[in-house]
C-alpha atoms as a PDB file:
ATOM      1  CA  UNK A   1      41.618 -64.147  44.936  1.00  0.00           C
ATOM      2  CA  UNK A   2      45.071 -64.996  46.490  1.00  0.00           C
ATOM      3  CA  UNK A   3      46.540 -68.294  45.681  1.00  0.00           C
ATOM      4  CA  UNK A   4      46.334 -71.036  48.387  1.00  0.00           C
ATOM      5  CA  UNK A   5      49.472 -72.876  49.240  1.00  0.00           C
ATOM      6  CA  UNK A   6      49.220 -76.624  48.456  1.00  0.00           C
ATOM      7  CA  UNK A   7      50.147 -78.334  51.789  1.00  0.00           C
ATOM      8  CA  UNK A   8      48.460 -81.612  50.964  1.00  0.00           C
ATOM      9  CA  UNK A   9      50.591 -84.701  50.412  1.00  0.00           C
ATOM     10  CA  UNK A  10      50.982 -85.929  46.875  1.00  0.00           C
ATOM     11  CA  UNK A  11      48.368 -88.314  45.544  1.00  0.00           C
ATOM     12  CA  UNK A  12      49.732 -91.795  45.908  1.00  0.00           C
ATOM     13  CA  UNK A  13      46.678 -93.737  46.982  1.00  0.00           C
ATOM     14  CA  UNK A  14      42.938 -93.418  47.604  1.00  0.00           C
ATOM     15  CA  UNK A  15      43.313 -91.652  50.912  1.00  0.00           C
ATOM     16  CA  UNK A  16      45.558 -88.878  49.522  1.00  0.00           C
ATOM     17  CA  UNK A  17      43.230 -88.408  46.512  1.00  0.00           C
ATOM     18  CA  UNK A  18      40.283 -87.982  48.928  1.00  0.00           C
ATOM     19  CA  UNK A  19      42.150 -85.282  50.777  1.00  0.00           C
ATOM     20  CA  UNK A  20      42.832 -83.414  47.538  1.00  0.00           C
ATOM     21  CA  UNK A  21      39.109 -83.607  46.518  1.00  0.00           C
ATOM     22  CA  UNK A  22      38.058 -82.332  49.961  1.00  0.00           C
ATOM     23  CA  UNK A  23      40.426 -79.378  49.625  1.00  0.00           C
ATOM     24  CA  UNK A  24      39.001 -78.450  46.238  1.00  0.00           C
ATOM     25  CA  UNK A  25      35.481 -78.465  47.602  1.00  0.00           C
ATOM     26  CA  UNK A  26      36.546 -76.100  50.387  1.00  0.00           C
ATOM     27  CA  UNK A  27      38.122 -73.670  47.828  1.00  0.00           C
ATOM     28  CA  UNK A  28      34.958 -73.605  45.635  1.00  0.00           C
ATOM     29  CA  UNK A  29      32.805 -72.844  48.702  1.00  0.00           C
ATOM     30  CA  UNK A  30      35.078 -69.948  49.721  1.00  0.00           C
ATOM     31  CA  UNK A  31      35.041 -68.559  46.197  1.00  0.00           C
ATOM     32  CA  UNK A  32      31.246 -68.703  46.093  1.00  0.00           C
ATOM     33  CA  UNK A  33      31.121 -66.939  49.446  1.00  0.00           C
ATOM     34  CA  UNK A  34      33.560 -64.191  48.384  1.00  0.00           C
ATOM     35  CA  UNK A  35      31.982 -63.406  44.925  1.00  0.00           C
ATOM     36  CA  UNK A  36      28.858 -61.153  44.897  1.00  0.00           C
ATOM     37  CA  UNK A  37      25.580 -62.697  43.872  1.00  0.00           C
ATOM     38  CA  UNK A  38      24.600 -62.114  40.231  1.00  0.00           C
ATOM     39  CA  UNK A  39      21.966 -59.469  39.524  1.00  0.00           C
ATOM     40  CA  UNK A  40      18.811 -60.794  38.012  1.00  0.00           C
ATOM     41  CA  UNK A  41      17.857 -59.146  34.736  1.00  0.00           C
ATOM     42  CA  UNK A  42      14.137 -59.011  35.538  1.00  0.00           C
ATOM     43  CA  UNK A  43      13.923 -55.149  35.265  1.00  0.00           C
ATOM     44  CA  UNK A  44      15.549 -54.785  31.866  1.00  0.00           C
ATOM     45  CA  UNK A  45      13.604 -53.355  28.976  1.00  0.00           C
ATOM     46  CA  UNK A  46      13.023 -54.932  25.607  1.00  0.00           C
ATOM     47  CA  UNK A  47      16.153 -53.251  24.251  1.00  0.00           C
ATOM     48  CA  UNK A  48      18.239 -54.740  27.034  1.00  0.00           C
ATOM     49  CA  UNK A  49      18.818 -51.463  28.849  1.00  0.00           C
ATOM     50  CA  UNK A  50      18.034 -51.466  32.576  1.00  0.00           C
ATOM     51  CA  UNK A  51      15.534 -48.994  33.926  1.00  0.00           C
ATOM     52  CA  UNK A  52      16.615 -46.286  36.308  1.00  0.00           C
ATOM     53  CA  UNK A  53      16.256 -47.294  39.922  1.00  0.00           C
ATOM     54  CA  UNK A  54      15.225 -43.841  41.188  1.00  0.00           C
ATOM     55  CA  UNK A  55      12.447 -43.234  38.602  1.00  0.00           C
ATOM     56  CA  UNK A  56       9.296 -41.847  40.161  1.00  0.00           C
ATOM     57  CA  UNK A  57       6.277 -44.104  40.393  1.00  0.00           C
ATOM     58  CA  UNK A  58       3.570 -43.716  37.786  1.00  0.00           C
ATOM     59  CA  UNK A  59       0.994 -42.566  40.327  1.00  0.00           C
ATOM     60  CA  UNK A  60       3.179 -39.683  41.600  1.00  0.00           C
ATOM     61  CA  UNK A  61       3.431 -36.378  39.573  1.00  0.00           C
ATOM     62  CA  UNK A  62       6.895 -35.178  38.651  1.00  0.00           C
ATOM     63  CA  UNK A  63       6.265 -31.663  40.054  1.00  0.00           C
ATOM     64  CA  UNK A  64       3.351 -29.918  41.571  1.00  0.00           C
ATOM     65  CA  UNK A  65       2.888 -26.419  42.864  1.00  0.00           C
ATOM     66  CA  UNK A  66       1.511 -25.619  46.307  1.00  0.00           C
ATOM     67  CA  UNK A  67      -2.132 -25.384  45.310  1.00  0.00           C
ATOM     68  CA  UNK A  68      -1.949 -28.720  43.479  1.00  0.00           C
ATOM     69  CA  UNK A  69      -2.884 -27.322  40.057  1.00  0.00           C
ATOM     70  CA  UNK A  70       0.143 -28.892  38.370  1.00  0.00           C
ATOM     71  CA  UNK A  71       1.371 -25.619  36.731  1.00  0.00           C
ATOM     72  CA  UNK A  72       2.474 -22.197  38.029  1.00  0.00           C
ATOM     73  CA  UNK A  73      -0.176 -19.511  38.280  1.00  0.00           C
ATOM     74  CA  UNK A  74       0.042 -16.990  35.415  1.00  0.00           C
ATOM     75  CA  UNK A  75      -0.674 -13.252  35.987  1.00  0.00           C
ATOM     76  CA  UNK A  76      -3.887 -11.863  34.465  1.00  0.00           C
ATOM     77  CA  UNK A  77      -3.473 -10.294  31.051  1.00  0.00           C
ATOM     78  CA  UNK A  78      -4.960  -6.797  30.778  1.00  0.00           C
ATOM     79  CA  UNK A  79      -7.072  -5.827  27.792  1.00  0.00           C
ATOM     80  CA  UNK A  80      -6.073  -2.799  25.657  1.00  0.00           C
ATOM     81  CA  UNK A  81      -6.967   0.430  27.384  1.00  0.00           C
ATOM     82  CA  UNK A  82      -8.603   1.870  24.244  1.00  0.00           C
ATOM     83  CA  UNK A  83     -11.242  -0.911  24.176  1.00  0.00           C
ATOM     84  CA  UNK A  84     -14.725  -0.420  25.591  1.00  0.00           C
ATOM     85  CA  UNK A  85     -15.870  -2.133  28.771  1.00  0.00           C
ATOM     86  CA  UNK A  86     -17.833  -4.663  26.779  1.00  0.00           C
ATOM     87  CA  UNK A  87     -14.872  -5.476  24.592  1.00  0.00           C
ATOM     88  CA  UNK A  88     -12.579  -5.820  27.608  1.00  0.00           C
ATOM     89  CA  UNK A  89     -15.077  -8.220  29.182  1.00  0.00           C
ATOM     90  CA  UNK A  90     -15.034 -10.381  26.037  1.00  0.00           C
ATOM     91  CA  UNK A  91     -11.244 -10.216  26.000  1.00  0.00           C
ATOM     92  CA  UNK A  92     -11.084 -11.769  29.471  1.00  0.00           C
ATOM     93  CA  UNK A  93     -13.073 -14.776  28.186  1.00  0.00           C
ATOM     94  CA  UNK A  94     -10.391 -15.628  25.609  1.00  0.00           C
ATOM     95  CA  UNK A  95      -7.718 -18.225  26.315  1.00  0.00           C
ATOM     96  CA  UNK A  96      -4.343 -16.796  27.347  1.00  0.00           C
ATOM     97  CA  UNK A  97      -2.636 -17.727  24.098  1.00  0.00           C
ATOM     98  CA  UNK A  98      -5.295 -15.890  22.092  1.00  0.00           C
ATOM     99  CA  UNK A  99      -5.005 -12.892  24.412  1.00  0.00           C
ATOM    100  CA  UNK A 100      -1.303 -12.742  23.731  1.00  0.00           C
ATOM    101  CA  UNK A 101      -1.984 -12.812  19.977  1.00  0.00           C
ATOM    102  CA  UNK A 102      -4.528 -10.017  20.244  1.00  0.00           C
ATOM    103  CA  UNK A 103      -2.184  -7.876  22.349  1.00  0.00           C
ATOM    104  CA  UNK A 104       0.675  -8.471  19.920  1.00  0.00           C
ATOM    105  CA  UNK A 105      -1.484  -7.464  16.942  1.00  0.00           C
ATOM    106  CA  UNK A 106      -2.783  -4.408  18.799  1.00  0.00           C
ATOM    107  CA  UNK A 107       0.762  -3.357  19.627  1.00  0.00           C
ATOM    108  CA  UNK A 108       1.891  -3.836  16.020  1.00  0.00           C
ATOM    109  CA  UNK A 109      -1.098  -1.835  14.753  1.00  0.00           C
ATOM    110  CA  UNK A 110      -0.481   1.020  17.212  1.00  0.00           C
ATOM    111  CA  UNK A 111       3.180   1.104  16.235  1.00  0.00           C
ATOM    112  CA  UNK A 112       2.322   1.151  12.530  1.00  0.00           C
ATOM    113  CA  UNK A 113      -0.223   3.945  13.058  1.00  0.00           C
ATOM    114  CA  UNK A 114       2.262   5.957  15.103  1.00  0.00           C
ATOM    115  CA  UNK A 115       4.935   5.566  12.400  1.00  0.00           C
ATOM    116  CA  UNK A 116       2.440   6.471   9.718  1.00  0.00           C
ATOM    117  CA  UNK A 117       1.309   9.560  11.628  1.00  0.00           C
ATOM    118  CA  UNK A 118       4.912  10.628  12.117  1.00  0.00           C
ATOM    119  CA  UNK A 119       5.573  10.158   8.414  1.00  0.00           C
ATOM    120  CA  UNK A 120       2.511  12.150   7.493  1.00  0.00           C
ATOM    121  CA  UNK A 121       3.539  14.899   9.923  1.00  0.00           C
ATOM    122  CA  UNK A 122       6.965  15.070   8.289  1.00  0.00           C
ATOM    123  CA  UNK A 123       5.474  15.070   4.803  1.00  0.00           C
ATOM    124  CA  UNK A 124       3.015  17.804   5.839  1.00  0.00           C
ATOM    125  CA  UNK A 125       5.869  19.911   7.172  1.00  0.00           C
ATOM    126  CA  UNK A 126       7.737  19.471   3.888  1.00  0.00           C
ATOM    127  CA  UNK A 127       4.670  20.393   1.842  1.00  0.00           C
ATOM    128  CA  UNK A 128       3.926  23.414   4.044  1.00  0.00           C
ATOM    129  CA  UNK A 129       7.529  24.572   3.576  1.00  0.00           C
ATOM    130  CA  UNK A 130       7.265  24.193  -0.175  1.00  0.00           C
ATOM    131  CA  UNK A 131       3.933  25.979  -0.204  1.00  0.00           C
ATOM    132  CA  UNK A 132       5.354  28.835   1.818  1.00  0.00           C
ATOM    133  CA  UNK A 133       8.277  29.133  -0.569  1.00  0.00           C
ATOM    134  CA  UNK A 134       5.937  29.110  -3.577  1.00  0.00           C
ATOM    135  CA  UNK A 135       3.738  31.696  -1.920  1.00  0.00           C
ATOM    136  CA  UNK A 136       6.739  33.862  -1.253  1.00  0.00           C
ATOM    137  CA  UNK A 137       7.862  33.632  -4.913  1.00  0.00           C
ATOM    138  CA  UNK A 138       4.338  34.341  -6.105  1.00  0.00           C
ATOM    139  CA  UNK A 139       4.019  37.313  -3.796  1.00  0.00           C
ATOM    140  CA  UNK A 140       7.369  38.673  -4.982  1.00  0.00           C
ATOM    141  CA  UNK A 141       6.238  38.300  -8.588  1.00  0.00           C
ATOM    142  CA  UNK A 142       2.988  40.136  -7.831  1.00  0.00           C
ATOM    143  CA  UNK A 143       4.913  42.908  -6.096  1.00  0.00           C
ATOM    144  CA  UNK A 144       7.254  43.220  -9.084  1.00  0.00           C
ATOM    145  CA  UNK A 145       4.290  43.520 -11.460  1.00  0.00           C
ATOM    146  CA  UNK A 146       2.720  46.210  -9.333  1.00  0.00           C
ATOM    147  CA  UNK A 147       6.008  48.103  -9.223  1.00  0.00           C
ATOM    148  CA  UNK A 148       6.376  47.922 -13.028  1.00  0.00           C
ATOM    149  CA  UNK A 149       2.814  49.046 -13.485  1.00  0.00           C
ATOM    150  CA  UNK A 150       3.432  52.006 -11.198  1.00  0.00           C
ATOM    151  CA  UNK A 151       6.306  53.030 -13.493  1.00  0.00           C
ATOM    152  CA  UNK A 152       4.615  52.283 -16.800  1.00  0.00           C
ATOM    153  CA  UNK A 153       1.179  53.746 -16.255  1.00  0.00           C
ATOM    154  CA  UNK A 154       2.371  57.394 -15.790  1.00  0.00           C
ATOM    155  CA  UNK A 155       4.440  57.039 -18.977  1.00  0.00           C
ATOM    156  CA  UNK A 156       1.436  55.724 -20.897  1.00  0.00           C
ATOM    157  CA  UNK A 157      -0.772  58.491 -19.530  1.00  0.00           C
ATOM    158  CA  UNK A 158       1.772  61.073 -20.672  1.00  0.00           C
ATOM    159  CA  UNK A 159       1.855  59.594 -24.178  1.00  0.00           C
ATOM    160  CA  UNK A 160      -1.952  59.340 -24.295  1.00  0.00           C
ATOM    161  CA  UNK A 161      -2.199  63.080 -23.511  1.00  0.00           C
ATOM    162  CA  UNK A 162      -0.440  63.954 -26.789  1.00  0.00           C
ATOM    163  CA  UNK A 163      -2.428  65.954 -29.350  1.00  0.00           C
ATOM    164  CA  UNK A 164      -2.314  63.271 -32.018  1.00  0.00           C
ATOM    165  CA  UNK A 165      -4.159  65.282 -34.708  1.00  0.00           C
ATOM    166  CA  UNK A 166      -1.814  68.248 -34.445  1.00  0.00           C
ATOM    167  CA  UNK A 167       1.221  65.955 -34.324  1.00  0.00           C
ATOM    168  CA  UNK A 168       0.107  64.131 -37.453  1.00  0.00           C
ATOM    169  CA  UNK A 169      -0.217  67.453 -39.348  1.00  0.00           C
ATOM    170  CA  UNK A 170       2.995  69.006 -38.137  1.00  0.00           C
ATOM    171  CA  UNK A 171       5.341  65.999 -37.965  1.00  0.00           C
ATOM    172  CA  UNK A 172       3.996  62.819 -39.602  1.00  0.00           C
ATOM    173  CA  UNK A 173       7.222  60.902 -38.853  1.00  0.00           C
ATOM    174  CA  UNK A 174       7.051  61.740 -35.172  1.00  0.00           C
ATOM    175  CA  UNK A 175       3.413  60.812 -35.229  1.00  0.00           C
ATOM    176  CA  UNK A 176       4.297  57.322 -36.498  1.00  0.00           C
ATOM    177  CA  UNK A 177       7.048  56.905 -33.904  1.00  0.00           C
ATOM    178  CA  UNK A 178       4.886  58.036 -30.994  1.00  0.00           C
ATOM    179  CA  UNK A 179       2.042  55.832 -32.178  1.00  0.00           C
ATOM    180  CA  UNK A 180       4.346  52.803 -32.007  1.00  0.00           C
ATOM    181  CA  UNK A 181       5.521  53.857 -28.512  1.00  0.00           C
ATOM    182  CA  UNK A 182       1.935  54.215 -27.402  1.00  0.00           C
ATOM    183  CA  UNK A 183       0.918  50.797 -28.770  1.00  0.00           C
ATOM    184  CA  UNK A 184       3.929  49.200 -27.055  1.00  0.00           C
ATOM    185  CA  UNK A 185       3.130  50.783 -23.704  1.00  0.00           C
ATOM    186  CA  UNK A 186      -0.487  49.676 -24.060  1.00  0.00           C
ATOM    187  CA  UNK A 187       0.567  46.075 -24.698  1.00  0.00           C
ATOM    188  CA  UNK A 188       2.980  46.110 -21.753  1.00  0.00           C
ATOM    189  CA  UNK A 189       0.374  47.521 -19.384  1.00  0.00           C
ATOM    190  CA  UNK A 190      -2.268  45.078 -20.577  1.00  0.00           C
ATOM    191  CA  UNK A 191       0.093  42.124 -20.139  1.00  0.00           C
ATOM    192  CA  UNK A 192       1.171  43.193 -16.660  1.00  0.00           C
ATOM    193  CA  UNK A 193      -2.416  43.834 -15.571  1.00  0.00           C
ATOM    194  CA  UNK A 194      -3.403  40.427 -16.835  1.00  0.00           C
ATOM    195  CA  UNK A 195      -0.503  38.765 -15.019  1.00  0.00           C
ATOM    196  CA  UNK A 196      -1.290  40.687 -11.806  1.00  0.00           C
ATOM    197  CA  UNK A 197      -4.912  39.551 -12.027  1.00  0.00           C
ATOM    198  CA  UNK A 198      -3.867  35.938 -12.485  1.00  0.00           C
ATOM    199  CA  UNK A 199      -1.418  36.189  -9.572  1.00  0.00           C
ATOM    200  CA  UNK A 200      -4.171  37.612  -7.392  1.00  0.00           C
ATOM    201  CA  UNK A 201      -6.567  34.838  -8.360  1.00  0.00           C
ATOM    202  CA  UNK A 202      -3.912  32.213  -7.657  1.00  0.00           C
ATOM    203  CA  UNK A 203      -3.236  33.753  -4.270  1.00  0.00           C
ATOM    204  CA  UNK A 204      -6.961  33.573  -3.476  1.00  0.00           C
ATOM    205  CA  UNK A 205      -7.060  29.903  -4.508  1.00  0.00           C
ATOM    206  CA  UNK A 206      -3.955  29.120  -2.417  1.00  0.00           C
ATOM    207  CA  UNK A 207      -5.415  30.959   0.561  1.00  0.00           C
ATOM    208  CA  UNK A 208      -8.667  29.028   0.217  1.00  0.00           C
ATOM    209  CA  UNK A 209      -6.796  25.701   0.029  1.00  0.00           C
ATOM    210  CA  UNK A 210      -4.738  26.599   3.092  1.00  0.00           C
ATOM    211  CA  UNK A 211      -7.857  27.646   4.892  1.00  0.00           C
ATOM    212  CA  UNK A 212      -9.631  24.374   4.081  1.00  0.00           C
ATOM    213  CA  UNK A 213      -6.583  22.364   5.115  1.00  0.00           C
ATOM    214  CA  UNK A 214      -6.308  24.252   8.379  1.00  0.00           C
ATOM    215  CA  UNK A 215     -10.010  23.860   9.067  1.00  0.00           C
ATOM    216  CA  UNK A 216      -9.787  20.102   8.470  1.00  0.00           C
ATOM    217  CA  UNK A 217      -6.788  19.868  10.750  1.00  0.00           C
ATOM    218  CA  UNK A 218      -8.459  21.929  13.480  1.00  0.00           C
ATOM    219  CA  UNK A 219     -11.650  19.879  13.154  1.00  0.00           C
ATOM    220  CA  UNK A 220      -9.636  16.711  13.716  1.00  0.00           C
ATOM    221  CA  UNK A 221      -8.118  18.211  16.845  1.00  0.00           C
ATOM    222  CA  UNK A 222     -11.557  19.327  18.001  1.00  0.00           C
ATOM    223  CA  UNK A 223     -13.191  15.875  17.724  1.00  0.00           C
ATOM    224  CA  UNK A 224     -10.230  14.355  19.565  1.00  0.00           C
ATOM    225  CA  UNK A 225     -10.898  16.614  22.555  1.00  0.00           C
ATOM    226  CA  UNK A 226     -14.703  16.867  22.223  1.00  0.00           C
ATOM    227  CA  UNK A 227     -15.889  13.679  20.459  1.00  0.00           C
ATOM    228  CA  UNK A 228     -19.536  14.840  20.338  1.00  0.00           C
ATOM    229  CA  UNK A 229     -18.624  17.171  17.479  1.00  0.00           C
ATOM    230  CA  UNK A 230     -18.078  14.070  15.301  1.00  0.00           C
ATOM    231  CA  UNK A 231     -21.774  13.212  15.527  1.00  0.00           C
ATOM    232  CA  UNK A 232     -23.876  15.350  13.184  1.00  0.00           C
ATOM    233  CA  UNK A 233     -26.934  15.602  15.427  1.00  0.00           C
ATOM    234  CA  UNK A 234     -24.901  16.280  18.558  1.00  0.00           C
ATOM    235  CA  UNK A 235     -22.689  18.774  16.701  1.00  0.00           C
ATOM    236  CA  UNK A 236     -25.782  20.610  15.450  1.00  0.00           C
ATOM    237  CA  UNK A 237     -27.044  20.940  18.996  1.00  0.00           C
ATOM    238  CA  UNK A 238     -23.629  22.075  20.283  1.00  0.00           C
ATOM    239  CA  UNK A 239     -23.285  24.695  17.536  1.00  0.00           C
ATOM    240  CA  UNK A 240     -26.766  26.002  18.378  1.00  0.00           C
ATOM    241  CA  UNK A 241     -25.812  26.363  22.040  1.00  0.00           C
ATOM    242  CA  UNK A 242     -22.609  28.148  21.131  1.00  0.00           C
ATOM    243  CA  UNK A 243     -24.369  30.487  18.694  1.00  0.00           C
ATOM    244  CA  UNK A 244     -27.091  31.452  21.198  1.00  0.00           C
ATOM    245  CA  UNK A 245     -24.534  31.975  23.954  1.00  0.00           C
ATOM    246  CA  UNK A 246     -22.157  34.076  21.833  1.00  0.00           C
ATOM    247  CA  UNK A 247     -25.014  36.136  20.464  1.00  0.00           C
ATOM    248  CA  UNK A 248     -25.689  37.195  24.000  1.00  0.00           C
ATOM    249  CA  UNK A 249     -22.218  38.713  24.075  1.00  0.00           C
ATOM    250  CA  UNK A 250     -22.641  40.634  20.846  1.00  0.00           C
ATOM    251  CA  UNK A 251     -20.983  38.261  18.331  1.00  0.00           C
ATOM    252  CA  UNK A 252     -22.442  38.076  14.844  1.00  0.00           C
ATOM    253  CA  UNK A 253     -22.893  34.963  12.674  1.00  0.00           C
ATOM    254  CA  UNK A 254     -20.113  36.116  10.339  1.00  0.00           C
ATOM    255  CA  UNK A 255     -17.680  36.461  13.239  1.00  0.00           C
ATOM    256  CA  UNK A 256     -18.629  33.026  14.572  1.00  0.00           C
ATOM    257  CA  UNK A 257     -18.425  31.475  11.089  1.00  0.00           C
ATOM    258  CA  UNK A 258     -14.840  32.691  10.639  1.00  0.00           C
ATOM    259  CA  UNK A 259     -13.616  30.845  13.767  1.00  0.00           C
ATOM    260  CA  UNK A 260     -11.353  27.955  12.756  1.00  0.00           C
ATOM    261  CA  UNK A 261      -9.104  27.506  15.761  1.00  0.00           C
ATOM    262  CA  UNK A 262     -10.135  24.410  17.697  1.00  0.00           C
ATOM    263  CA  UNK A 263      -9.057  26.063  20.960  1.00  0.00           C
ATOM    264  CA  UNK A 264     -11.479  28.937  20.386  1.00  0.00           C
ATOM    265  CA  UNK A 265     -14.306  26.464  19.703  1.00  0.00           C
ATOM    266  CA  UNK A 266     -13.512  24.613  22.932  1.00  0.00           C
ATOM    267  CA  UNK A 267     -13.580  27.858  24.891  1.00  0.00           C
ATOM    268  CA  UNK A 268     -16.968  28.772  23.388  1.00  0.00           C
ATOM    269  CA  UNK A 269     -18.283  25.265  23.946  1.00  0.00           C
ATOM    270  CA  UNK A 270     -17.200  25.411  27.591  1.00  0.00           C
ATOM    271  CA  UNK A 271     -18.859  28.805  27.993  1.00  0.00           C
ATOM    272  CA  UNK A 272     -22.090  27.507  26.469  1.00  0.00           C
ATOM    273  CA  UNK A 273     -22.046  24.560  28.853  1.00  0.00           C
ATOM    274  CA  UNK A 274     -21.574  26.865  31.862  1.00  0.00           C
ATOM    275  CA  UNK A 275     -24.331  29.186  30.685  1.00  0.00           C
ATOM    276  CA  UNK A 276     -26.701  26.241  30.142  1.00  0.00           C
ATOM    277  CA  UNK A 277     -25.883  24.701  33.550  1.00  0.00           C
ATOM    278  CA  UNK A 278     -26.417  28.084  35.234  1.00  0.00           C
ATOM    279  CA  UNK A 279     -29.790  28.511  33.479  1.00  0.00           C
ATOM    280  CA  UNK A 280     -30.830  25.029  34.602  1.00  0.00           C
ATOM    281  CA  UNK A 281     -29.783  25.769  38.182  1.00  0.00           C
ATOM    282  CA  UNK A 282     -31.780  28.991  38.244  1.00  0.00           C
ATOM    283  CA  UNK A 283     -34.758  27.205  36.779  1.00  0.00           C
ATOM    284  CA  UNK A 284     -34.536  24.544  39.453  1.00  0.00           C
ATOM    285  CA  UNK A 285     -34.325  27.133  42.232  1.00  0.00           C
ATOM    286  CA  UNK A 286     -37.320  28.978  40.774  1.00  0.00           C
ATOM    287  CA  UNK A 287     -39.413  25.778  40.828  1.00  0.00           C
ATOM    288  CA  UNK A 288     -38.443  24.973  44.412  1.00  0.00           C
ATOM    289  CA  UNK A 289     -38.819  28.377  46.045  1.00  0.00           C
ATOM    290  CA  UNK A 290     -40.732  30.493  43.619  1.00  0.00           C
ATOM    291  CA  UNK A 291     -39.332  33.113  41.339  1.00  0.00           C
ATOM    292  CA  UNK A 292     -36.335  34.933  42.790  1.00  0.00           C
ATOM    293  CA  UNK A 293     -36.734  38.550  43.618  1.00  0.00           C
ATOM    294  CA  UNK A 294     -35.583  40.888  40.852  1.00  0.00           C
ATOM    295  CA  UNK A 295     -32.199  42.422  41.459  1.00  0.00           C
ATOM    296  CA  UNK A 296     -32.336  46.126  42.020  1.00  0.00           C
ATOM    297  CA  UNK A 297     -29.806  48.282  40.250  1.00  0.00           C
ATOM    298  CA  UNK A 298     -27.781  50.398  42.637  1.00  0.00           C
ATOM    299  CA  UNK A 299     -28.395  54.114  42.486  1.00  0.00           C
ATOM    300  CA  UNK A 300     -24.859  54.774  41.277  1.00  0.00           C
ATOM    301  CA  UNK A 301     -24.939  51.987  38.651  1.00  0.00           C
ATOM    302  CA  UNK A 302     -24.435  52.978  35.028  1.00  0.00           C
ATOM    303  CA  UNK A 303     -27.136  51.809  32.587  1.00  0.00           C
ATOM    304  CA  UNK A 304     -24.455  50.995  30.031  1.00  0.00           C
ATOM    305  CA  UNK A 305     -22.454  48.700  32.317  1.00  0.00           C
ATOM    306  CA  UNK A 306     -23.756  45.571  30.627  1.00  0.00           C
ATOM    307  CA  UNK A 307     -22.905  46.941  27.181  1.00  0.00           C
ATOM    308  CA  UNK A 308     -19.403  47.763  28.393  1.00  0.00           C
ATOM    309  CA  UNK A 309     -19.063  44.223  29.736  1.00  0.00           C
ATOM    310  CA  UNK A 310     -20.117  42.707  26.428  1.00  0.00           C
ATOM    311  CA  UNK A 311     -17.740  45.032  24.573  1.00  0.00           C
ATOM    312  CA  UNK A 312     -14.906  43.966  26.847  1.00  0.00           C
ATOM    313  CA  UNK A 313     -15.693  40.283  26.270  1.00  0.00           C
ATOM    314  CA  UNK A 314     -15.714  40.885  22.490  1.00  0.00           C
ATOM    315  CA  UNK A 315     -12.387  42.686  22.708  1.00  0.00           C
ATOM    316  CA  UNK A 316     -10.785  39.865  24.721  1.00  0.00           C
ATOM    317  CA  UNK A 317     -12.193  37.335  22.305  1.00  0.00           C
ATOM    318  CA  UNK A 318     -10.573  39.141  19.385  1.00  0.00           C
ATOM    319  CA  UNK A 319      -7.292  39.243  21.278  1.00  0.00           C
ATOM    320  CA  UNK A 320      -7.553  35.498  21.854  1.00  0.00           C
ATOM    321  CA  UNK A 321      -8.171  34.912  18.114  1.00  0.00           C
ATOM    322  CA  UNK A 322      -4.993  36.844  17.260  1.00  0.00           C
ATOM    323  CA  UNK A 323      -2.684  35.409  19.921  1.00  0.00           C
ATOM    324  CA  UNK A 324      -4.179  31.951  20.603  1.00  0.00           C
ATOM    325  CA  UNK A 325      -2.424  31.853  23.990  1.00  0.00           C
ATOM    326  CA  UNK A 326      -3.764  30.110  27.081  1.00  0.00           C
ATOM    327  CA  UNK A 327      -3.393  33.339  29.042  1.00  0.00           C
ATOM    328  CA  UNK A 328      -5.838  35.288  26.861  1.00  0.00           C
ATOM    329  CA  UNK A 329      -8.241  32.302  26.965  1.00  0.00           C
ATOM    330  CA  UNK A 330      -8.114  32.272  30.763  1.00  0.00           C
ATOM    331  CA  UNK A 331      -8.771  36.038  30.856  1.00  0.00           C
ATOM    332  CA  UNK A 332     -11.780  35.659  28.559  1.00  0.00           C
ATOM    333  CA  UNK A 333     -13.299  32.876  30.666  1.00  0.00           C
ATOM    334  CA  UNK A 334     -12.576  34.768  33.895  1.00  0.00           C
ATOM    335  CA  UNK A 335     -14.247  37.892  32.579  1.00  0.00           C
ATOM    336  CA  UNK A 336     -17.253  35.923  31.372  1.00  0.00           C
ATOM    337  CA  UNK A 337     -17.687  34.111  34.661  1.00  0.00           C
END
């Protein structure tokens, strides 16, 4: 506040003192008018800190979405695709946090299974490579034994043809030497024949193991594409349909029993389904409109045409077994249909 000049007369008597007192009162009134009013501390908290003036009232929410739910709408969480409809319905009843946990565990499990399958595939490739190398070595060893036998057997036969009685009388020393040669050749031939037999047996065991491993692998591929083969009762019915159908095309039980390729089984299964559906359709037509009129064979038709057709189907089937290509499978189905 700026200082006020003192223009009053000096205090010398009562009148001058009254003037000074009146001036002081005027100054105190101006000061009170210029200074802002003190703020009352009615809104302070217990700790002495004032509350914020712009705080929202207690009865008003801090934030609220348009529909008034108080929190943003979350998108629906989809259940795993591999689950059944019943399981997916139960999944929708779970709280969102539990749904997230289930999805995370499912994802981790699928990832672990995928990694394990990849590891097993790599291990199987390594084992197959080692088995192939071992088979090659074993086959080479068997070939070497056969070659040695082919060289040793004529020599032994020549020695065996010696007139031993005459040789013993005429040259006893030569008789002793030739007897030793004969015994040595016999031992060599016996050893090689024994080794060749063991190698052959080992090859048969290896072939059987590979056949069983391939059949198990093909069976796994089959049930992945046609799950009904995993059920014993359904598989029995499917195999019966396939057997009856393929018998109609001239295939024997031994030929059908040697089929291991899952693709071939799927082709035969599809053919059996088509044959069964066609038989049901014909049966339905017969019940509706009576038995169809028998088809007359044209005059120029050959009586062995059906046998030729079956023979052609069997030939294409054998080609498909050898090649395993989709083209041969398509030709077989086209010829059958």
